Each structure stands twice: as structure tokens, then as C-alpha cells.
């Protein structure tokens, strides 16, 4: 696969979306998505992610129902309309040579080469350890 990095403009946009949709829970979201320790997470984590980790985080935003269905035409603190954030992120990715497929929820390069996303081992271990109680 060609060497590709996610442009800093995309990370600025992702941080803005994380602030709105996850607020103070952003650490918990990143821990569950990436399988990292809480001590490794701060607002600079986005700049340190590799392509695969970054796309896992971005896919979570793009697939988040609150983000998809946020049709507020509110002008926000960042000087733009909230409802335009998701389409802008998809456009920024395309400008960076990455295509998001809405149906498969996967990414590919503009050349058509798929970008495989692998769940981190620690995340997989956490998912296996989940216990469900009887809710009745």
C-alpha cells in the first residue's frame, strides 16, 4: 500500500467533532476503539495515530447516528454549520486520497486499493471479556 498520512486539517476537523459529540467522554471512546491505556490519551493523540488507527476513529464518527442525523443548521463556535461537518470530513478524506464507502463502512484509496482496518488485540480481548447480566 502506498505511504499515506492523514492531513492535519482532517485531525483539526475530527477534534472539533469529538468535542461536540463526545465531550468529556472522548477518552472512553478512544480507549474502546483503539485499545489504548487512558494515560496515553490526550488531545494530541489524533496527531500520533497511524493511518489505520486514525481511520478507525474517523469511521466511528462517520457511522455515529448522532453525527449522521444532526441536521441542526446552527452556526457554532467554530464558525461553520454543524450539519455540514460530516460531509466536510468525507470531502477532506477524498482530497487526501481516501474514499469512504457508506454501504460497507470501509475505506479505500482513490486508486481503488482497499485499506484494511484491524481491531487492536487489546480491544478484542476487552470485547471477549464482556459479561451480560439477565435484564429480566
N, C-alpha and C. Protein backbone atom coordinates (compact mmCIF):
# COMPACT_ATOMS: atom_id res chain seq x y z
N UNK A 1 0.84 -1.18 0.00
CA UNK A 1 0.00 0.00 0.00
C UNK A 1 0.88 1.24 0.00
N UNK A 2 0.47 2.25 -0.72
CA UNK A 2 1.22 3.49 -0.78
C UNK A 2 1.30 4.13 0.60
N UNK A 3 2.42 4.81 0.86
CA UNK A 3 2.56 5.53 2.13
C UNK A 3 1.61 6.72 2.10
N UNK A 4 0.76 6.81 3.09
CA UNK A 4 -0.19 7.91 3.15
C UNK A 4 -0.39 8.30 4.60
N UNK A 5 -0.45 9.58 4.84
CA UNK A 5 -0.72 10.09 6.18
C UNK A 5 -1.98 10.94 6.11
N UNK A 6 -2.68 11.00 7.21
CA UNK A 6 -3.88 11.81 7.26
C UNK A 6 -3.48 13.27 7.49
N UNK A 7 -3.98 14.15 6.65
CA UNK A 7 -3.62 15.56 6.69
C UNK A 7 -4.03 16.20 8.02
N UNK A 8 -3.20 17.09 8.58
CA UNK A 8 -3.53 17.76 9.85
C UNK A 8 -4.87 18.50 9.82
N UNK A 9 -5.30 18.99 8.66
CA UNK A 9 -6.59 19.66 8.56
C UNK A 9 -7.72 18.69 8.92
N UNK A 10 -7.55 17.43 8.57
CA UNK A 10 -8.57 16.43 8.90
C UNK A 10 -8.62 16.23 10.41
N UNK A 11 -7.44 16.17 11.05
CA UNK A 11 -7.42 15.98 12.51
C UNK A 11 -8.03 17.16 13.23
N UNK A 12 -7.83 18.36 12.74
CA UNK A 12 -8.45 19.54 13.34
C UNK A 12 -9.97 19.40 13.27
N UNK A 13 -10.47 18.94 12.15
CA UNK A 13 -11.90 18.73 11.95
C UNK A 13 -12.42 17.61 12.87
N UNK A 14 -11.67 16.52 12.97
CA UNK A 14 -12.06 15.40 13.83
C UNK A 14 -12.10 15.83 15.29
N UNK A 15 -11.11 16.59 15.75
CA UNK A 15 -11.11 17.09 17.14
C UNK A 15 -12.33 17.95 17.41
N UNK A 16 -12.70 18.78 16.46
CA UNK A 16 -13.88 19.63 16.60
C UNK A 16 -15.13 18.76 16.77
N UNK A 17 -15.25 17.72 15.96
CA UNK A 17 -16.40 16.83 16.04
C UNK A 17 -16.40 16.04 17.35
N UNK A 18 -15.23 15.58 17.78
CA UNK A 18 -15.14 14.87 19.05
C UNK A 18 -15.57 15.76 20.21
N UNK A 19 -15.17 17.02 20.19
CA UNK A 19 -15.57 17.95 21.25
C UNK A 19 -17.09 18.08 21.32
N UNK A 20 -17.74 18.15 20.17
CA UNK A 20 -19.20 18.31 20.17
C UNK A 20 -19.92 17.03 20.55
N UNK A 21 -19.55 15.92 19.93
CA UNK A 21 -20.34 14.71 20.08
C UNK A 21 -19.94 13.83 21.26
N UNK A 22 -18.70 13.91 21.70
CA UNK A 22 -18.27 13.06 22.81
C UNK A 22 -17.91 13.84 24.06
N UNK A 23 -17.60 15.12 23.92
CA UNK A 23 -17.31 15.96 25.08
C UNK A 23 -16.26 15.34 25.97
N UNK A 24 -16.55 15.28 27.26
CA UNK A 24 -15.58 14.75 28.22
C UNK A 24 -15.46 13.24 28.15
N UNK A 25 -16.32 12.56 27.40
CA UNK A 25 -16.25 11.10 27.26
C UNK A 25 -15.31 10.65 26.15
N UNK A 26 -14.61 11.59 25.52
CA UNK A 26 -13.78 11.23 24.37
C UNK A 26 -12.72 10.20 24.73
N UNK A 27 -12.20 10.23 25.96
CA UNK A 27 -11.18 9.25 26.36
C UNK A 27 -11.76 7.84 26.35
N UNK A 28 -12.96 7.69 26.91
CA UNK A 28 -13.59 6.37 26.94
C UNK A 28 -13.83 5.84 25.53
N UNK A 29 -14.23 6.72 24.63
CA UNK A 29 -14.48 6.31 23.24
C UNK A 29 -13.18 5.83 22.61
N UNK A 30 -12.09 6.60 22.78
CA UNK A 30 -10.82 6.23 22.19
C UNK A 30 -10.25 4.95 22.79
N UNK A 31 -10.44 4.76 24.10
CA UNK A 31 -9.97 3.53 24.74
C UNK A 31 -10.69 2.33 24.13
N UNK A 32 -12.01 2.44 23.94
CA UNK A 32 -12.75 1.30 23.39
C UNK A 32 -12.43 1.07 21.91
N UNK A 33 -12.17 2.14 21.16
CA UNK A 33 -11.88 1.98 19.74
C UNK A 33 -10.48 1.47 19.48
N UNK A 34 -9.51 1.98 20.23
CA UNK A 34 -8.10 1.72 19.92
C UNK A 34 -7.43 0.75 20.88
N UNK A 35 -8.08 0.45 22.01
CA UNK A 35 -7.48 -0.45 22.97
C UNK A 35 -6.21 0.12 23.60
N UNK A 36 -6.19 1.41 23.88
CA UNK A 36 -5.02 2.05 24.49
C UNK A 36 -5.31 2.36 25.95
N UNK A 37 -4.25 2.62 26.70
CA UNK A 37 -4.40 3.00 28.10
C UNK A 37 -4.85 4.45 28.21
N UNK A 38 -5.58 4.75 29.27
CA UNK A 38 -6.05 6.12 29.49
C UNK A 38 -4.89 7.10 29.61
N UNK A 39 -3.77 6.63 30.15
CA UNK A 39 -2.61 7.51 30.31
C UNK A 39 -2.01 7.94 28.97
N UNK A 40 -2.31 7.21 27.91
CA UNK A 40 -1.79 7.52 26.57
C UNK A 40 -2.68 8.48 25.80
N UNK A 41 -3.81 8.88 26.42
CA UNK A 41 -4.78 9.68 25.68
C UNK A 41 -4.83 11.11 26.19
N UNK A 42 -4.63 12.02 25.27
CA UNK A 42 -4.91 13.43 25.48
C UNK A 42 -5.30 13.98 24.11
N UNK A 43 -5.50 15.29 24.01
CA UNK A 43 -5.98 15.85 22.74
C UNK A 43 -4.96 15.72 21.61
N UNK A 44 -3.70 15.39 21.92
CA UNK A 44 -2.69 15.24 20.88
C UNK A 44 -2.67 13.83 20.29
N UNK A 45 -3.50 12.94 20.82
CA UNK A 45 -3.47 11.55 20.34
C UNK A 45 -3.79 11.48 18.85
N UNK A 46 -4.65 12.37 18.38
CA UNK A 46 -5.02 12.33 16.96
C UNK A 46 -3.80 12.52 16.07
N UNK A 47 -2.90 13.38 16.47
CA UNK A 47 -1.70 13.65 15.67
C UNK A 47 -0.72 12.48 15.70
N UNK A 48 -0.85 11.61 16.69
CA UNK A 48 0.09 10.49 16.83
C UNK A 48 -0.42 9.18 16.21
N UNK A 49 -1.67 9.15 15.79
CA UNK A 49 -2.25 7.91 15.26
C UNK A 49 -1.68 7.58 13.89
N UNK A 50 -1.49 6.29 13.65
CA UNK A 50 -1.11 5.86 12.31
C UNK A 50 -2.35 5.86 11.43
N UNK A 51 -2.20 5.57 10.17
CA UNK A 51 -3.32 5.61 9.23
C UNK A 51 -4.46 4.71 9.67
N UNK A 52 -4.13 3.48 10.04
CA UNK A 52 -5.16 2.52 10.40
C UNK A 52 -5.93 2.96 11.66
N UNK A 53 -5.20 3.34 12.70
CA UNK A 53 -5.84 3.81 13.93
C UNK A 53 -6.67 5.05 13.68
N UNK A 54 -6.14 5.94 12.86
CA UNK A 54 -6.87 7.15 12.54
C UNK A 54 -8.17 6.88 11.82
N UNK A 55 -8.13 5.94 10.89
CA UNK A 55 -9.34 5.63 10.13
C UNK A 55 -10.37 4.90 10.99
N UNK A 56 -9.92 4.16 11.99
CA UNK A 56 -10.86 3.53 12.93
C UNK A 56 -11.62 4.62 13.69
N UNK A 57 -10.90 5.64 14.13
CA UNK A 57 -11.51 6.76 14.85
C UNK A 57 -12.46 7.53 13.93
N UNK A 58 -12.03 7.78 12.72
CA UNK A 58 -12.86 8.53 11.77
C UNK A 58 -14.10 7.72 11.38
N UNK A 59 -13.94 6.42 11.17
CA UNK A 59 -15.10 5.59 10.83
C UNK A 59 -16.15 5.64 11.94
N UNK A 60 -15.69 5.66 13.19
CA UNK A 60 -16.62 5.76 14.32
C UNK A 60 -17.45 7.04 14.22
N UNK A 61 -16.80 8.14 13.89
CA UNK A 61 -17.54 9.40 13.74
C UNK A 61 -18.52 9.34 12.57
N UNK A 62 -18.06 8.83 11.44
CA UNK A 62 -18.91 8.79 10.25
C UNK A 62 -20.10 7.87 10.42
N UNK A 63 -19.95 6.83 11.26
CA UNK A 63 -21.02 5.86 11.46
C UNK A 63 -21.88 6.17 12.68
N UNK A 64 -21.52 7.20 13.43
CA UNK A 64 -22.25 7.59 14.64
C UNK A 64 -23.61 8.16 14.22
N UNK A 65 -24.70 7.58 14.73
CA UNK A 65 -26.04 8.03 14.34
C UNK A 65 -26.31 9.47 14.72
N UNK A 66 -25.77 9.91 15.85
CA UNK A 66 -25.97 11.31 16.25
C UNK A 66 -25.32 12.25 15.24
N UNK A 67 -24.15 11.87 14.75
CA UNK A 67 -23.46 12.68 13.75
C UNK A 67 -24.22 12.64 12.42
N UNK A 68 -24.66 11.44 12.03
CA UNK A 68 -25.39 11.29 10.77
C UNK A 68 -26.68 12.08 10.76
N UNK A 69 -27.37 12.09 11.89
CA UNK A 69 -28.71 12.68 11.95
C UNK A 69 -28.74 14.09 12.50
N UNK A 70 -27.59 14.69 12.74
CA UNK A 70 -27.54 16.05 13.28
C UNK A 70 -27.80 17.02 12.13
N UNK A 71 -29.04 17.42 12.02
CA UNK A 71 -29.42 18.30 10.92
C UNK A 71 -29.56 19.75 11.38
N UNK A 72 -29.05 20.05 12.59
CA UNK A 72 -29.11 21.42 13.07
C UNK A 72 -28.41 22.34 12.08
N UNK A 73 -29.07 23.43 11.80
CA UNK A 73 -28.48 24.41 10.92
C UNK A 73 -27.83 25.51 11.76
N UNK A 74 -27.37 25.11 12.95
CA UNK A 74 -26.80 26.06 13.90
C UNK A 74 -25.41 26.49 13.48
N UNK A 75 -25.19 27.76 13.59
CA UNK A 75 -23.85 28.31 13.42
C UNK A 75 -23.16 28.09 14.75
N UNK A 76 -22.00 27.47 14.75
CA UNK A 76 -21.38 27.09 16.02
C UNK A 76 -20.15 27.93 16.35
N UNK A 77 -19.48 27.55 17.44
CA UNK A 77 -18.30 28.29 17.91
C UNK A 77 -17.16 28.29 16.92
N UNK A 78 -17.14 27.33 16.01
CA UNK A 78 -16.03 27.20 15.07
C UNK A 78 -16.28 27.97 13.78
N UNK A 79 -17.42 28.66 13.69
CA UNK A 79 -17.69 29.49 12.53
C UNK A 79 -18.23 28.76 11.32
N UNK A 80 -18.88 27.62 11.53
CA UNK A 80 -19.50 26.92 10.41
C UNK A 80 -20.73 26.17 10.88
N UNK A 81 -21.48 25.62 9.94
CA UNK A 81 -22.72 24.92 10.27
C UNK A 81 -22.45 23.49 10.70
N UNK A 82 -23.06 23.09 11.80
CA UNK A 82 -22.88 21.75 12.36
C UNK A 82 -23.28 20.67 11.35
N UNK A 83 -24.39 20.87 10.63
CA UNK A 83 -24.87 19.84 9.71
C UNK A 83 -23.91 19.59 8.56
N UNK A 84 -22.96 20.49 8.33
CA UNK A 84 -22.01 20.32 7.24
C UNK A 84 -20.74 19.58 7.66
N UNK A 85 -20.57 19.29 8.95
CA UNK A 85 -19.33 18.69 9.44
C UNK A 85 -19.08 17.31 8.84
N UNK A 86 -20.08 16.46 8.82
CA UNK A 86 -19.87 15.10 8.31
C UNK A 86 -19.54 15.11 6.82
N UNK A 87 -20.32 15.81 5.97
CA UNK A 87 -19.95 15.86 4.56
C UNK A 87 -18.57 16.49 4.33
N UNK A 88 -18.22 17.48 5.15
CA UNK A 88 -16.89 18.10 5.01
C UNK A 88 -15.80 17.09 5.31
N UNK A 89 -16.00 16.27 6.35
CA UNK A 89 -14.99 15.27 6.70
C UNK A 89 -14.81 14.27 5.55
N UNK A 90 -15.90 13.84 4.94
CA UNK A 90 -15.82 12.92 3.80
C UNK A 90 -15.08 13.59 2.64
N UNK A 91 -15.36 14.87 2.40
CA UNK A 91 -14.67 15.60 1.34
C UNK A 91 -13.18 15.76 1.64
N UNK A 92 -12.84 16.07 2.89
CA UNK A 92 -11.43 16.21 3.28
C UNK A 92 -10.69 14.90 3.06
N UNK A 93 -11.33 13.78 3.41
CA UNK A 93 -10.70 12.47 3.19
C UNK A 93 -10.47 12.23 1.70
N UNK A 94 -11.47 12.54 0.89
CA UNK A 94 -11.34 12.35 -0.56
C UNK A 94 -10.20 13.21 -1.11
N UNK A 95 -10.09 14.45 -0.62
CA UNK A 95 -9.00 15.33 -1.03
C UNK A 95 -7.64 14.76 -0.63
N UNK A 96 -7.64 13.93 0.43
CA UNK A 96 -6.43 13.30 0.94
C UNK A 96 -6.17 11.94 0.26
N UNK A 97 -7.02 11.57 -0.70
CA UNK A 97 -6.83 10.32 -1.44
C UNK A 97 -7.51 9.13 -0.82
N UNK A 98 -8.45 9.35 0.12
CA UNK A 98 -9.14 8.27 0.83
C UNK A 98 -10.63 8.38 0.58
N UNK A 99 -11.23 7.27 0.15
CA UNK A 99 -12.66 7.22 -0.13
C UNK A 99 -13.35 6.41 0.97
N UNK A 100 -14.47 6.95 1.51
CA UNK A 100 -15.27 6.23 2.49
C UNK A 100 -16.50 5.66 1.80
N UNK A 101 -16.71 4.35 1.94
CA UNK A 101 -17.86 3.68 1.35
C UNK A 101 -18.96 3.60 2.41
N UNK A 102 -20.06 4.31 2.18
CA UNK A 102 -21.17 4.36 3.15
C UNK A 102 -21.80 2.98 3.38
N UNK A 103 -21.86 2.15 2.36
CA UNK A 103 -22.51 0.85 2.48
C UNK A 103 -21.68 -0.14 3.28
N UNK A 104 -20.39 -0.25 2.96
CA UNK A 104 -19.55 -1.24 3.62
C UNK A 104 -18.87 -0.69 4.87
N UNK A 105 -18.91 0.63 5.05
CA UNK A 105 -18.28 1.30 6.18
C UNK A 105 -16.76 1.07 6.19
N UNK A 106 -16.19 0.98 4.99
CA UNK A 106 -14.75 0.78 4.84
C UNK A 106 -14.15 1.89 4.00
N UNK A 107 -12.83 1.90 3.99
CA UNK A 107 -12.09 2.92 3.27
C UNK A 107 -11.28 2.27 2.15
N UNK A 108 -11.01 3.07 1.13
CA UNK A 108 -10.10 2.65 0.07
C UNK A 108 -9.36 3.89 -0.42
N UNK A 109 -8.29 3.63 -1.13
CA UNK A 109 -7.56 4.73 -1.76
C UNK A 109 -8.28 5.10 -3.04
N UNK A 110 -8.04 6.28 -3.55
CA UNK A 110 -8.68 6.69 -4.79
C UNK A 110 -8.28 5.77 -5.95
N UNK A 111 -7.17 5.06 -5.79
CA UNK A 111 -6.75 4.08 -6.81
C UNK A 111 -7.62 2.83 -6.79
N UNK A 112 -8.45 2.68 -5.75
CA UNK A 112 -9.31 1.51 -5.62
C UNK A 112 -8.77 0.48 -4.65
N UNK A 113 -7.54 0.64 -4.19
CA UNK A 113 -6.93 -0.31 -3.25
C UNK A 113 -7.60 -0.16 -1.88
N UNK A 114 -8.08 -1.27 -1.33
CA UNK A 114 -8.75 -1.26 -0.03
C UNK A 114 -7.75 -0.98 1.09
N UNK A 115 -8.25 -0.32 2.14
CA UNK A 115 -7.44 -0.08 3.34
C UNK A 115 -8.03 -0.95 4.44
N UNK A 116 -7.37 -2.06 4.78
CA UNK A 116 -7.92 -2.95 5.80
C UNK A 116 -7.78 -2.33 7.19
N UNK A 117 -8.82 -2.45 7.99
CA UNK A 117 -8.78 -1.97 9.37
C UNK A 117 -8.85 -3.18 10.29
N UNK A 118 -7.88 -3.30 11.14
CA UNK A 118 -7.78 -4.45 12.04
C UNK A 118 -8.05 -3.97 13.46
N UNK A 119 -8.92 -4.70 14.16
CA UNK A 119 -9.21 -4.38 15.55
C UNK A 119 -7.97 -4.66 16.38
N UNK A 120 -7.54 -3.70 17.22
CA UNK A 120 -6.37 -3.96 18.07
C UNK A 120 -6.60 -5.15 19.00
N UNK A 121 -5.54 -5.91 19.30
CA UNK A 121 -5.65 -7.10 20.16
C UNK A 121 -6.27 -6.77 21.51
N UNK A 122 -5.85 -5.66 22.10
CA UNK A 122 -6.39 -5.32 23.43
C UNK A 122 -7.88 -5.08 23.34
N UNK A 123 -8.35 -4.45 22.26
CA UNK A 123 -9.78 -4.21 22.10
C UNK A 123 -10.51 -5.54 21.97
N UNK A 124 -9.95 -6.46 21.21
CA UNK A 124 -10.57 -7.76 21.02
C UNK A 124 -10.68 -8.49 22.35
N UNK A 125 -9.63 -8.40 23.18
CA UNK A 125 -9.67 -9.04 24.49
C UNK A 125 -10.78 -8.45 25.34
N UNK A 126 -10.95 -7.13 25.31
CA UNK A 126 -12.00 -6.49 26.09
C UNK A 126 -13.37 -6.93 25.62
N UNK A 127 -13.53 -7.05 24.31
CA UNK A 127 -14.83 -7.45 23.79
C UNK A 127 -15.18 -8.87 24.20
N UNK A 128 -14.20 -9.75 24.26
CA UNK A 128 -14.44 -11.14 24.64
C UNK A 128 -14.81 -11.24 26.12
N UNK A 129 -14.26 -10.34 26.95
CA UNK A 129 -14.50 -10.41 28.38
C UNK A 129 -15.82 -9.80 28.83
N UNK A 130 -16.58 -9.24 27.93
CA UNK A 130 -17.83 -8.60 28.30
C UNK A 130 -18.80 -9.65 28.82
N UNK A 131 -19.40 -9.36 29.99
CA UNK A 131 -20.38 -10.28 30.56
C UNK A 131 -21.75 -9.61 30.51
N UNK A 132 -22.75 -10.37 30.12
CA UNK A 132 -24.10 -9.84 30.06
C UNK A 132 -24.92 -10.40 31.20
N UNK A 133 -25.59 -9.53 31.92
CA UNK A 133 -26.45 -9.98 33.01
C UNK A 133 -27.87 -10.18 32.53
N UNK A 134 -28.63 -10.90 33.31
CA UNK A 134 -30.04 -11.10 32.99
C UNK A 134 -30.81 -9.84 33.30
N UNK A 135 -31.41 -9.24 32.29
CA UNK A 135 -32.11 -7.97 32.49
C UNK A 135 -33.56 -8.15 32.95
N UNK A 136 -34.01 -9.37 33.03
CA UNK A 136 -35.40 -9.60 33.43
C UNK A 136 -35.47 -9.99 34.86
